[in-house]
Amino acid sequence: MKTTALLTNIRESSDDELKGRIKRLEEELFQHRLKRFTNQLENTNLIRSARREIARCRTVLSARIHGGEQPQAKTATTEEK
């Protein structure tokens, strides 16, 4: 998924969806780190991408809390998919 599409998807999500996404990503990150430690992780870039996506989600949540960003309404094109 491209970064712009990912960021658009994150911005269209509600606060509860973002919190759930962060929780899922943190569990994934833990699993990736555990696999890396035991030399079972083939693609070490998965750790980096998970950390970045967590940071993106937390940034959007923080911006909403501080009033810098409003939750976007889902457009008709994304609802059709």
N, C-alpha and C. Protein backbone atom coordinates (compact mmCIF):
# COMPACT_ATOMS: atom_id res chain seq x y z
N MET A 1 0.84 -1.17 0.00
CA MET A 1 0.00 0.00 0.00
C MET A 1 0.89 1.23 0.00
N LYS A 2 0.58 2.17 -0.85
CA LYS A 2 1.38 3.39 -0.91
C LYS A 2 1.15 4.23 0.33
N THR A 3 2.10 5.08 0.62
CA THR A 3 2.02 5.89 1.83
C THR A 3 0.85 6.85 1.81
N THR A 4 0.57 7.45 0.66
CA THR A 4 -0.53 8.41 0.61
C THR A 4 -1.87 7.70 0.80
N ALA A 5 -2.02 6.52 0.22
CA ALA A 5 -3.26 5.76 0.41
C ALA A 5 -3.38 5.32 1.86
N LEU A 6 -2.27 4.92 2.46
CA LEU A 6 -2.27 4.50 3.86
C LEU A 6 -2.63 5.66 4.77
N LEU A 7 -2.05 6.82 4.52
CA LEU A 7 -2.33 8.00 5.33
C LEU A 7 -3.77 8.45 5.18
N THR A 8 -4.30 8.38 3.97
CA THR A 8 -5.71 8.72 3.74
C THR A 8 -6.61 7.76 4.51
N ASN A 9 -6.26 6.49 4.48
CA ASN A 9 -7.02 5.48 5.21
C ASN A 9 -6.98 5.74 6.71
N ILE A 10 -5.82 6.12 7.22
CA ILE A 10 -5.68 6.41 8.65
C ILE A 10 -6.50 7.63 9.02
N ARG A 11 -6.45 8.67 8.21
CA ARG A 11 -7.18 9.91 8.52
C ARG A 11 -8.69 9.73 8.45
N GLU A 12 -9.16 8.78 7.65
CA GLU A 12 -10.59 8.54 7.54
C GLU A 12 -11.11 7.66 8.67
N SER A 13 -10.23 7.05 9.43
CA SER A 13 -10.64 6.15 10.51
C SER A 13 -11.09 6.96 11.73
N SER A 14 -11.97 6.36 12.51
CA SER A 14 -12.40 7.00 13.75
C SER A 14 -11.33 6.81 14.83
N ASP A 15 -11.51 7.49 15.94
CA ASP A 15 -10.54 7.37 17.03
C ASP A 15 -10.47 5.95 17.57
N ASP A 16 -11.63 5.30 17.71
CA ASP A 16 -11.64 3.93 18.23
C ASP A 16 -10.96 2.97 17.26
N GLU A 17 -11.18 3.17 15.97
CA GLU A 17 -10.52 2.32 14.98
C GLU A 17 -9.01 2.51 15.02
N LEU A 18 -8.58 3.76 15.22
CA LEU A 18 -7.14 4.02 15.29
C LEU A 18 -6.52 3.37 16.53
N LYS A 19 -7.21 3.44 17.65
CA LYS A 19 -6.69 2.82 18.87
C LYS A 19 -6.59 1.30 18.70
N GLY A 20 -7.59 0.70 18.06
CA GLY A 20 -7.54 -0.73 17.79
C GLY A 20 -6.42 -1.09 16.83
N ARG A 21 -6.22 -0.23 15.84
CA ARG A 21 -5.15 -0.45 14.86
C ARG A 21 -3.78 -0.38 15.54
N ILE A 22 -3.60 0.59 16.44
CA ILE A 22 -2.34 0.73 17.16
C ILE A 22 -2.09 -0.51 18.01
N LYS A 23 -3.12 -0.98 18.68
CA LYS A 23 -2.97 -2.19 19.52
C LYS A 23 -2.56 -3.39 18.67
N ARG A 24 -3.21 -3.56 17.52
CA ARG A 24 -2.87 -4.68 16.63
C ARG A 24 -1.45 -4.55 16.11
N LEU A 25 -1.05 -3.34 15.74
CA LEU A 25 0.30 -3.12 15.21
C LEU A 25 1.37 -3.35 16.27
N GLU A 26 1.08 -2.97 17.52
CA GLU A 26 2.05 -3.20 18.59
C GLU A 26 2.23 -4.69 18.85
N GLU A 27 1.15 -5.46 18.75
CA GLU A 27 1.27 -6.91 18.89
C GLU A 27 2.07 -7.51 17.73
N GLU A 28 1.81 -7.01 16.52
CA GLU A 28 2.59 -7.45 15.35
C GLU A 28 4.06 -7.14 15.53
N LEU A 29 4.34 -5.93 16.00
CA LEU A 29 5.73 -5.50 16.20
C LEU A 29 6.43 -6.40 17.21
N PHE A 30 5.74 -6.74 18.27
CA PHE A 30 6.32 -7.65 19.26
C PHE A 30 6.66 -9.00 18.63
N GLN A 31 5.72 -9.53 17.83
CA GLN A 31 5.95 -10.81 17.17
C GLN A 31 7.14 -10.74 16.21
N HIS A 32 7.24 -9.63 15.46
CA HIS A 32 8.36 -9.47 14.53
C HIS A 32 9.69 -9.41 15.28
N ARG A 33 9.71 -8.69 16.40
CA ARG A 33 10.94 -8.60 17.18
C ARG A 33 11.33 -9.96 17.76
N LEU A 34 10.34 -10.70 18.21
CA LEU A 34 10.60 -12.02 18.75
C LEU A 34 11.16 -12.94 17.67
N LYS A 35 10.58 -12.88 16.48
CA LYS A 35 11.08 -13.69 15.37
C LYS A 35 12.48 -13.27 14.95
N ARG A 36 12.77 -11.98 14.99
CA ARG A 36 14.11 -11.51 14.64
C ARG A 36 15.13 -12.03 15.65
N PHE A 37 14.76 -12.01 16.91
CA PHE A 37 15.67 -12.47 17.96
C PHE A 37 15.99 -13.95 17.80
N THR A 38 15.03 -14.74 17.32
CA THR A 38 15.25 -16.17 17.14
C THR A 38 15.68 -16.52 15.72
N ASN A 39 16.01 -15.51 14.92
CA ASN A 39 16.46 -15.67 13.53
C ASN A 39 15.43 -16.37 12.64
N GLN A 40 14.16 -16.08 12.86
CA GLN A 40 13.09 -16.64 12.04
C GLN A 40 12.45 -15.60 11.13
N LEU A 41 12.82 -14.34 11.29
CA LEU A 41 12.22 -13.27 10.50
C LEU A 41 13.00 -13.10 9.20
N GLU A 42 12.33 -13.33 8.09
CA GLU A 42 12.97 -13.23 6.77
C GLU A 42 13.15 -11.77 6.36
N ASN A 43 12.09 -10.97 6.50
CA ASN A 43 12.10 -9.58 6.05
C ASN A 43 12.15 -8.66 7.27
N THR A 44 13.33 -8.14 7.58
CA THR A 44 13.47 -7.29 8.76
C THR A 44 12.86 -5.90 8.55
N ASN A 45 12.49 -5.58 7.33
CA ASN A 45 11.85 -4.29 7.06
C ASN A 45 10.43 -4.24 7.64
N LEU A 46 9.86 -5.37 7.99
CA LEU A 46 8.53 -5.40 8.60
C LEU A 46 8.52 -4.66 9.93
N ILE A 47 9.61 -4.73 10.66
CA ILE A 47 9.70 -4.02 11.94
C ILE A 47 9.64 -2.52 11.70
N ARG A 48 10.39 -2.06 10.75
CA ARG A 48 10.43 -0.63 10.44
C ARG A 48 9.08 -0.12 9.97
N SER A 49 8.43 -0.87 9.09
CA SER A 49 7.14 -0.42 8.56
C SER A 49 6.06 -0.42 9.65
N ALA A 50 6.10 -1.38 10.57
CA ALA A 50 5.14 -1.41 11.67
C ALA A 50 5.34 -0.22 12.60
N ARG A 51 6.60 0.08 12.90
CA ARG A 51 6.89 1.23 13.77
C ARG A 51 6.42 2.54 13.13
N ARG A 52 6.62 2.68 11.84
CA ARG A 52 6.21 3.90 11.16
C ARG A 52 4.69 4.04 11.11
N GLU A 53 4.00 2.92 10.89
CA GLU A 53 2.54 3.00 10.84
C GLU A 53 1.97 3.33 12.23
N ILE A 54 2.57 2.79 13.28
CA ILE A 54 2.17 3.14 14.65
C ILE A 54 2.36 4.64 14.87
N ALA A 55 3.48 5.16 14.43
CA ALA A 55 3.77 6.59 14.59
C ALA A 55 2.76 7.44 13.82
N ARG A 56 2.39 7.01 12.62
CA ARG A 56 1.41 7.76 11.83
C ARG A 56 0.06 7.81 12.55
N CYS A 57 -0.36 6.66 13.08
CA CYS A 57 -1.64 6.60 13.78
C CYS A 57 -1.62 7.48 15.03
N ARG A 58 -0.54 7.40 15.79
CA ARG A 58 -0.44 8.22 17.00
C ARG A 58 -0.39 9.70 16.68
N THR A 59 0.24 10.07 15.58
CA THR A 59 0.31 11.47 15.17
C THR A 59 -1.07 12.00 14.83
N VAL A 60 -1.86 11.23 14.10
CA VAL A 60 -3.21 11.66 13.74
C VAL A 60 -4.07 11.78 14.99
N LEU A 61 -3.97 10.81 15.91
CA LEU A 61 -4.73 10.89 17.16
C LEU A 61 -4.34 12.12 17.97
N SER A 62 -3.07 12.37 18.07
CA SER A 62 -2.58 13.53 18.81
C SER A 62 -3.05 14.84 18.18
N ALA A 63 -3.03 14.91 16.87
CA ALA A 63 -3.48 16.12 16.18
C ALA A 63 -4.97 16.35 16.42
N ARG A 64 -5.74 15.27 16.48
CA ARG A 64 -7.18 15.41 16.75
C ARG A 64 -7.42 15.90 18.17
N ILE A 65 -6.63 15.40 19.11
CA ILE A 65 -6.80 15.81 20.51
C ILE A 65 -6.48 17.29 20.67
N HIS A 66 -5.43 17.75 20.03
CA HIS A 66 -5.00 19.13 20.16
C HIS A 66 -5.69 20.07 19.20
N GLY A 67 -6.63 19.57 18.41
CA GLY A 67 -7.42 20.42 17.54
C GLY A 67 -6.78 20.75 16.22
N GLY A 68 -5.70 20.12 15.87
CA GLY A 68 -5.02 20.41 14.62
C GLY A 68 -5.64 19.73 13.42
N GLU A 69 -6.46 18.72 13.68
CA GLU A 69 -7.04 17.97 12.58
C GLU A 69 -8.43 17.48 12.99
N GLN A 70 -9.36 17.54 12.07
CA GLN A 70 -10.70 17.04 12.29
C GLN A 70 -10.86 15.70 11.60
N PRO A 71 -11.64 14.79 12.17
CA PRO A 71 -11.87 13.51 11.48
C PRO A 71 -12.56 13.75 10.15
N GLN A 72 -12.04 13.15 9.09
CA GLN A 72 -12.60 13.33 7.77
C GLN A 72 -13.75 12.37 7.56
N ALA A 73 -14.75 12.83 6.84
CA ALA A 73 -15.85 11.95 6.48
C ALA A 73 -15.39 11.06 5.34
N LYS A 74 -15.86 9.83 5.34
CA LYS A 74 -15.47 8.92 4.27
C LYS A 74 -16.13 9.35 2.97
N THR A 75 -15.35 9.37 1.93
CA THR A 75 -15.88 9.78 0.63
C THR A 75 -16.65 8.65 0.00
N ALA A 76 -17.42 8.97 -1.03
CA ALA A 76 -18.24 7.97 -1.70
C ALA A 76 -17.38 6.91 -2.40
N THR A 77 -16.21 7.30 -2.87
CA THR A 77 -15.36 6.33 -3.58
C THR A 77 -14.78 5.30 -2.64
N THR A 78 -14.46 5.67 -1.40
CA THR A 78 -13.91 4.70 -0.46
C THR A 78 -14.99 3.81 0.13
N GLU A 79 -16.23 4.29 0.20
CA GLU A 79 -17.30 3.46 0.71
C GLU A 79 -17.71 2.39 -0.28
N GLU A 80 -17.51 2.63 -1.55
CA GLU A 80 -17.88 1.67 -2.57
C GLU A 80 -16.94 0.48 -2.62
N LYS A 81 -15.70 0.65 -2.18
CA LYS A 81 -14.69 -0.41 -2.25
C LYS A 81 -14.93 -1.50 -1.25
